[in-house]
Amino acid sequence: DALQIQLDYVTKPYRDSQLSTWLYGKGSGVLRKQGIARIVSAPGTEPHASYLQRNGFVKVGDRYERTLPH
């Protein structure tokens, strides 16, 4: 029931495309239909951990998780 993100990087021209806004909002239904209830990511660096926290992820052990809305 989890989607593991292996790589979380966007090149400069696409950084403001608001993909995360869609993914964690309206687009979450696409993942929910596939049985995915949460997104999981292991931070590689402190800036990445901060980014995940700013985007609603919660630290669970050595990774961060975000539950998708219904």
PDB file of N, CA and C in Angstrom:
ATOM      1  N   ASP A   1       0.812  -1.203   0.000  1.00  0.00           N
ATOM      2  CA  ASP A   1       0.000   0.000   0.000  1.00  0.00           C
ATOM      3  C   ASP A   1       0.852   1.262   0.000  1.00  0.00           C
ATOM      4  N   ALA A   2       2.147   1.114  -0.294  1.00  0.00           N
ATOM      5  CA  ALA A   2       3.047   2.273  -0.271  1.00  0.00           C
ATOM      6  C   ALA A   2       3.783   2.421  -1.598  1.00  0.00           C
ATOM      7  N   LEU A   3       3.976   3.665  -1.991  1.00  0.00           N
ATOM      8  CA  LEU A   3       4.784   3.989  -3.159  1.00  0.00           C
ATOM      9  C   LEU A   3       6.120   4.498  -2.650  1.00  0.00           C
ATOM     10  N   GLN A   4       7.192   3.784  -2.972  1.00  0.00           N
ATOM     11  CA  GLN A   4       8.539   4.154  -2.534  1.00  0.00           C
ATOM     12  C   GLN A   4       9.163   5.052  -3.584  1.00  0.00           C
ATOM     13  N   ILE A   5       9.503   6.269  -3.203  1.00  0.00           N
ATOM     14  CA  ILE A   5      10.163   7.189  -4.119  1.00  0.00           C
ATOM     15  C   ILE A   5      11.669   6.970  -4.007  1.00  0.00           C
ATOM     16  N   GLN A   6      12.293   6.603  -5.111  1.00  0.00           N
ATOM     17  CA  GLN A   6      13.730   6.351  -5.124  1.00  0.00           C
ATOM     18  C   GLN A   6      14.528   7.606  -5.461  1.00  0.00           C
ATOM     19  N   LEU A   7      13.966   8.441  -6.316  1.00  0.00           N
ATOM     20  CA  LEU A   7      14.654   9.647  -6.759  1.00  0.00           C
ATOM     21  C   LEU A   7      13.663  10.797  -6.745  1.00  0.00           C
ATOM     22  N   ASP A   8      14.026  11.871  -6.084  1.00  0.00           N
ATOM     23  CA  ASP A   8      13.154  13.033  -5.966  1.00  0.00           C
ATOM     24  C   ASP A   8      13.945  14.260  -6.407  1.00  0.00           C
ATOM     25  N   TYR A   9      13.971  14.484  -7.710  1.00  0.00           N
ATOM     26  CA  TYR A   9      14.745  15.598  -8.248  1.00  0.00           C
ATOM     27  C   TYR A   9      14.045  16.138  -9.488  1.00  0.00           C
ATOM     28  N   VAL A  10      13.970  17.442  -9.585  1.00  0.00           N
ATOM     29  CA  VAL A  10      13.356  18.087 -10.733  1.00  0.00           C
ATOM     30  C   VAL A  10      14.323  19.138 -11.260  1.00  0.00           C
ATOM     31  N   THR A  11      14.543  19.152 -12.566  1.00  0.00           N
ATOM     32  CA  THR A  11      15.420  20.157 -13.156  1.00  0.00           C
ATOM     33  C   THR A  11      14.777  21.534 -13.063  1.00  0.00           C
ATOM     34  N   LYS A  12      15.598  22.568 -13.098  1.00  0.00           N
ATOM     35  CA  LYS A  12      15.138  23.942 -12.876  1.00  0.00           C
ATOM     36  C   LYS A  12      13.916  24.350 -13.692  1.00  0.00           C
ATOM     37  N   PRO A  13      13.851  24.047 -14.979  1.00  0.00           N
ATOM     38  CA  PRO A  13      12.690  24.521 -15.739  1.00  0.00           C
ATOM     39  C   PRO A  13      11.348  23.974 -15.243  1.00  0.00           C
ATOM     40  N   TYR A  14      11.350  22.873 -14.491  1.00  0.00           N
ATOM     41  CA  TYR A  14      10.107  22.235 -14.062  1.00  0.00           C
ATOM     42  C   TYR A  14       9.871  22.323 -12.559  1.00  0.00           C
ATOM     43  N   ARG A  15      10.711  23.014 -11.830  1.00  0.00           N
ATOM     44  CA  ARG A  15      10.596  23.052 -10.366  1.00  0.00           C
ATOM     45  C   ARG A  15       9.327  23.720  -9.866  1.00  0.00           C
ATOM     46  N   ASP A  16       8.759  24.610 -10.619  1.00  0.00           N
ATOM     47  CA  ASP A  16       7.537  25.282 -10.184  1.00  0.00           C
ATOM     48  C   ASP A  16       6.293  24.758 -10.888  1.00  0.00           C
ATOM     49  N   SER A  17       6.364  23.545 -11.414  1.00  0.00           N
ATOM     50  CA  SER A  17       5.211  22.988 -12.125  1.00  0.00           C
ATOM     51  C   SER A  17       4.133  22.494 -11.178  1.00  0.00           C
ATOM     52  N   GLN A  18       4.412  22.498  -9.878  1.00  0.00           N
ATOM     53  CA  GLN A  18       3.453  22.127  -8.843  1.00  0.00           C
ATOM     54  C   GLN A  18       2.960  20.697  -8.965  1.00  0.00           C
ATOM     55  N   LEU A  19       3.842  19.820  -9.409  1.00  0.00           N
ATOM     56  CA  LEU A  19       3.485  18.402  -9.495  1.00  0.00           C
ATOM     57  C   LEU A  19       3.106  17.852  -8.129  1.00  0.00           C
ATOM     58  N   SER A  20       3.833  18.254  -7.087  1.00  0.00           N
ATOM     59  CA  SER A  20       3.514  17.733  -5.753  1.00  0.00           C
ATOM     60  C   SER A  20       2.130  18.192  -5.299  1.00  0.00           C
ATOM     61  N   THR A  21       1.726  19.400  -5.671  1.00  0.00           N
ATOM     62  CA  THR A  21       0.387  19.877  -5.320  1.00  0.00           C
ATOM     63  C   THR A  21      -0.669  18.967  -5.928  1.00  0.00           C
ATOM     64  N   TRP A  22      -0.466  18.583  -7.162  1.00  0.00           N
ATOM     65  CA  TRP A  22      -1.407  17.666  -7.825  1.00  0.00           C
ATOM     66  C   TRP A  22      -1.338  16.284  -7.188  1.00  0.00           C
ATOM     67  N   LEU A  23      -0.118  15.772  -6.984  1.00  0.00           N
ATOM     68  CA  LEU A  23       0.064  14.415  -6.471  1.00  0.00           C
ATOM     69  C   LEU A  23      -0.555  14.249  -5.088  1.00  0.00           C
ATOM     70  N   TYR A  24      -0.392  15.234  -4.227  1.00  0.00           N
ATOM     71  CA  TYR A  24      -0.907  15.130  -2.867  1.00  0.00           C
ATOM     72  C   TYR A  24      -2.342  15.622  -2.745  1.00  0.00           C
ATOM     73  N   GLY A  25      -2.905  16.104  -3.835  1.00  0.00           N
ATOM     74  CA  GLY A  25      -4.277  16.607  -3.838  1.00  0.00           C
ATOM     75  C   GLY A  25      -5.155  15.810  -4.791  1.00  0.00           C
ATOM     76  N   LYS A  26      -5.583  16.470  -5.870  1.00  0.00           N
ATOM     77  CA  LYS A  26      -6.493  15.847  -6.832  1.00  0.00           C
ATOM     78  C   LYS A  26      -5.945  14.559  -7.439  1.00  0.00           C
ATOM     79  N   GLY A  27      -4.655  14.531  -7.715  1.00  0.00           N
ATOM     80  CA  GLY A  27      -4.051  13.367  -8.357  1.00  0.00           C
ATOM     81  C   GLY A  27      -3.915  12.155  -7.461  1.00  0.00           C
ATOM     82  N   SER A  28      -4.077  12.345  -6.159  1.00  0.00           N
ATOM     83  CA  SER A  28      -3.909  11.209  -5.244  1.00  0.00           C
ATOM     84  C   SER A  28      -4.922  10.103  -5.526  1.00  0.00           C
ATOM     85  N   GLY A  29      -6.057  10.464  -6.102  1.00  0.00           N
ATOM     86  CA  GLY A  29      -7.070   9.461  -6.436  1.00  0.00           C
ATOM     87  C   GLY A  29      -6.555   8.432  -7.431  1.00  0.00           C
ATOM     88  N   VAL A  30      -5.674   8.854  -8.327  1.00  0.00           N
ATOM     89  CA  VAL A  30      -5.076   7.935  -9.301  1.00  0.00           C
ATOM     90  C   VAL A  30      -4.301   6.844  -8.569  1.00  0.00           C
ATOM     91  N   LEU A  31      -3.515   7.252  -7.572  1.00  0.00           N
ATOM     92  CA  LEU A  31      -2.746   6.280  -6.798  1.00  0.00           C
ATOM     93  C   LEU A  31      -3.647   5.457  -5.883  1.00  0.00           C
ATOM     94  N   ARG A  32      -4.628   6.090  -5.263  1.00  0.00           N
ATOM     95  CA  ARG A  32      -5.562   5.371  -4.379  1.00  0.00           C
ATOM     96  C   ARG A  32      -6.272   4.247  -5.132  1.00  0.00           C
ATOM     97  N   LYS A  33      -6.635   4.493  -6.383  1.00  0.00           N
ATOM     98  CA  LYS A  33      -7.309   3.457  -7.178  1.00  0.00           C
ATOM     99  C   LYS A  33      -6.412   2.248  -7.403  1.00  0.00           C
ATOM    100  N   GLN A  34      -5.100   2.448  -7.305  1.00  0.00           N
ATOM    101  CA  GLN A  34      -4.130   1.365  -7.460  1.00  0.00           C
ATOM    102  C   GLN A  34      -3.788   0.710  -6.120  1.00  0.00           C
ATOM    103  N   GLY A  35      -4.464   1.138  -5.049  1.00  0.00           N
ATOM    104  CA  GLY A  35      -4.237   0.562  -3.734  1.00  0.00           C
ATOM    105  C   GLY A  35      -3.109   1.215  -2.949  1.00  0.00           C
ATOM    106  N   ILE A  36      -2.633   2.363  -3.426  1.00  0.00           N
ATOM    107  CA  ILE A  36      -1.547   3.060  -2.743  1.00  0.00           C
ATOM    108  C   ILE A  36      -2.149   4.064  -1.768  1.00  0.00           C
ATOM    109  N   ALA A  37      -1.789   3.932  -0.493  1.00  0.00           N
ATOM    110  CA  ALA A  37      -2.342   4.791   0.547  1.00  0.00           C
ATOM    111  C   ALA A  37      -1.329   5.800   1.073  1.00  0.00           C
ATOM    112  N   ARG A  38      -0.046   5.552   0.793  1.00  0.00           N
ATOM    113  CA  ARG A  38       0.974   6.454   1.326  1.00  0.00           C
ATOM    114  C   ARG A  38       2.194   6.470   0.425  1.00  0.00           C
ATOM    115  N   ILE A  39       2.956   7.543   0.541  1.00  0.00           N
ATOM    116  CA  ILE A  39       4.200   7.699  -0.209  1.00  0.00           C
ATOM    117  C   ILE A  39       5.334   7.673   0.802  1.00  0.00           C
ATOM    118  N   VAL A  40       6.402   6.954   0.479  1.00  0.00           N
ATOM    119  CA  VAL A  40       7.530   6.758   1.379  1.00  0.00           C
ATOM    120  C   VAL A  40       8.810   7.210   0.686  1.00  0.00           C
ATOM    121  N   SER A  41       9.672   7.912   1.418  1.00  0.00           N
ATOM    122  CA  SER A  41      10.947   8.349   0.867  1.00  0.00           C
ATOM    123  C   SER A  41      12.008   8.342   1.956  1.00  0.00           C
ATOM    124  N   ALA A  42      13.190   7.882   1.614  1.00  0.00           N
ATOM    125  CA  ALA A  42      14.333   7.938   2.529  1.00  0.00           C
ATOM    126  C   ALA A  42      15.151   9.171   2.180  1.00  0.00           C
ATOM    127  N   PRO A  43      15.331  10.077   3.128  1.00  0.00           N
ATOM    128  CA  PRO A  43      16.094  11.288   2.807  1.00  0.00           C
ATOM    129  C   PRO A  43      17.573  10.973   2.674  1.00  0.00           C
ATOM    130  N   GLY A  44      18.190  11.499   1.656  1.00  0.00           N
ATOM    131  CA  GLY A  44      19.618  11.289   1.471  1.00  0.00           C
ATOM    132  C   GLY A  44      20.450  12.357   2.151  1.00  0.00           C
ATOM    133  N   THR A  45      19.830  13.525   2.356  1.00  0.00           N
ATOM    134  CA  THR A  45      20.545  14.658   2.949  1.00  0.00           C
ATOM    135  C   THR A  45      19.608  15.406   3.892  1.00  0.00           C
ATOM    136  N   GLU A  46      20.166  16.263   4.709  1.00  0.00           N
ATOM    137  CA  GLU A  46      19.346  17.082   5.610  1.00  0.00           C
ATOM    138  C   GLU A  46      18.436  18.040   4.830  1.00  0.00           C
ATOM    139  N   PRO A  47      18.923  18.690   3.759  1.00  0.00           N
ATOM    140  CA  PRO A  47      18.004  19.540   2.981  1.00  0.00           C
ATOM    141  C   PRO A  47      16.826  18.745   2.403  1.00  0.00           C
ATOM    142  N   HIS A  48      17.069  17.508   2.004  1.00  0.00           N
ATOM    143  CA  HIS A  48      15.971  16.696   1.469  1.00  0.00           C
ATOM    144  C   HIS A  48      14.990  16.342   2.581  1.00  0.00           C
ATOM    145  N   ALA A  49      15.489  16.041   3.777  1.00  0.00           N
ATOM    146  CA  ALA A  49      14.615  15.757   4.917  1.00  0.00           C
ATOM    147  C   ALA A  49      13.741  16.978   5.221  1.00  0.00           C
ATOM    148  N   SER A  50      14.332  18.162   5.185  1.00  0.00           N
ATOM    149  CA  SER A  50      13.576  19.397   5.421  1.00  0.00           C
ATOM    150  C   SER A  50      12.507  19.590   4.357  1.00  0.00           C
ATOM    151  N   TYR A  51      12.863  19.315   3.108  1.00  0.00           N
ATOM    152  CA  TYR A  51      11.908  19.409   1.992  1.00  0.00           C
ATOM    153  C   TYR A  51      10.722  18.471   2.231  1.00  0.00           C
ATOM    154  N   LEU A  52      11.011  17.230   2.636  1.00  0.00           N
ATOM    155  CA  LEU A  52       9.936  16.270   2.884  1.00  0.00           C
ATOM    156  C   LEU A  52       9.026  16.753   4.014  1.00  0.00           C
ATOM    157  N   GLN A  53       9.602  17.258   5.073  1.00  0.00           N
ATOM    158  CA  GLN A  53       8.806  17.765   6.186  1.00  0.00           C
ATOM    159  C   GLN A  53       7.929  18.933   5.755  1.00  0.00           C
ATOM    160  N   ARG A  54       8.462  19.831   4.951  1.00  0.00           N
ATOM    161  CA  ARG A  54       7.678  20.974   4.459  1.00  0.00           C
ATOM    162  C   ARG A  54       6.512  20.515   3.595  1.00  0.00           C
ATOM    163  N   ASN A  55       6.645  19.328   2.994  1.00  0.00           N
ATOM    164  CA  ASN A  55       5.601  18.814   2.125  1.00  0.00           C
ATOM    165  C   ASN A  55       4.707  17.794   2.814  1.00  0.00           C
ATOM    166  N   GLY A  56       4.685  17.809   4.139  1.00  0.00           N
ATOM    167  CA  GLY A  56       3.729  17.008   4.886  1.00  0.00           C
ATOM    168  C   GLY A  56       4.150  15.591   5.216  1.00  0.00           C
ATOM    169  N   PHE A  57       5.406  15.254   4.987  1.00  0.00           N
ATOM    170  CA  PHE A  57       5.885  13.926   5.345  1.00  0.00           C
ATOM    171  C   PHE A  57       6.227  13.896   6.830  1.00  0.00           C
ATOM    172  N   VAL A  58       6.058  12.732   7.444  1.00  0.00           N
ATOM    173  CA  VAL A  58       6.347  12.533   8.859  1.00  0.00           C
ATOM    174  C   VAL A  58       7.443  11.480   8.976  1.00  0.00           C
ATOM    175  N   LYS A  59       8.392  11.713   9.864  1.00  0.00           N
ATOM    176  CA  LYS A  59       9.489  10.760  10.039  1.00  0.00           C
ATOM    177  C   LYS A  59       8.986   9.505  10.745  1.00  0.00           C
ATOM    178  N   VAL A  60       9.262   8.360  10.130  1.00  0.00           N
ATOM    179  CA  VAL A  60       8.915   7.058  10.692  1.00  0.00           C
ATOM    180  C   VAL A  60      10.168   6.204  10.583  1.00  0.00           C
ATOM    181  N   GLY A  61      10.859   6.029  11.683  1.00  0.00           N
ATOM    182  CA  GLY A  61      12.125   5.305  11.655  1.00  0.00           C
ATOM    183  C   GLY A  61      13.163   6.088  10.879  1.00  0.00           C
ATOM    184  N   ASP A  62      13.744   5.461   9.856  1.00  0.00           N
ATOM    185  CA  ASP A  62      14.778   6.119   9.057  1.00  0.00           C
ATOM    186  C   ASP A  62      14.251   6.687   7.748  1.00  0.00           C
ATOM    187  N   ARG A  63      12.938   6.773   7.607  1.00  0.00           N
ATOM    188  CA  ARG A  63      12.342   7.288   6.367  1.00  0.00           C
ATOM    189  C   ARG A  63      11.219   8.270   6.704  1.00  0.00           C
ATOM    190  N   TYR A  64      10.686   8.862   5.663  1.00  0.00           N
ATOM    191  CA  TYR A  64       9.560   9.787   5.819  1.00  0.00           C
ATOM    192  C   TYR A  64       8.373   9.235   5.036  1.00  0.00           C
ATOM    193  N   GLU A  65       7.171   9.434   5.596  1.00  0.00           N
ATOM    194  CA  GLU A  65       5.956   8.933   4.963  1.00  0.00           C
ATOM    195  C   GLU A  65       4.909  10.038   4.905  1.00  0.00           C
ATOM    196  N   ARG A  66       4.090   9.969   3.867  1.00  0.00           N
ATOM    197  CA  ARG A  66       2.942  10.872   3.756  1.00  0.00           C
ATOM    198  C   ARG A  66       1.737  10.060   3.335  1.00  0.00           C
ATOM    199  N   THR A  67       0.689  10.135   4.119  1.00  0.00           N
ATOM    200  CA  THR A  67      -0.558   9.451   3.801  1.00  0.00           C
ATOM    201  C   THR A  67      -1.314  10.282   2.777  1.00  0.00           C
ATOM    202  N   LEU A  68      -1.818   9.618   1.758  1.00  0.00           N
ATOM    203  CA  LEU A  68      -2.567  10.320   0.711  1.00  0.00           C
ATOM    204  C   LEU A  68      -4.005  10.576   1.158  1.00  0.00           C
ATOM    205  N   PRO A  69      -4.558  11.721   0.764  1.00  0.00           N
ATOM    206  CA  PRO A  69      -5.962  12.001   1.119  1.00  0.00           C
ATOM    207  C   PRO A  69      -6.910  11.066   0.375  1.00  0.00           C
ATOM    208  N   HIS A  70      -8.089  10.918   0.907  1.00  0.00           N
ATOM    209  CA  HIS A  70      -9.110  10.064   0.247  1.00  0.00           C
ATOM    210  C   HIS A  70      -9.846  10.835  -0.814  1.00  0.00           C
TER     211      HIS A  70
END
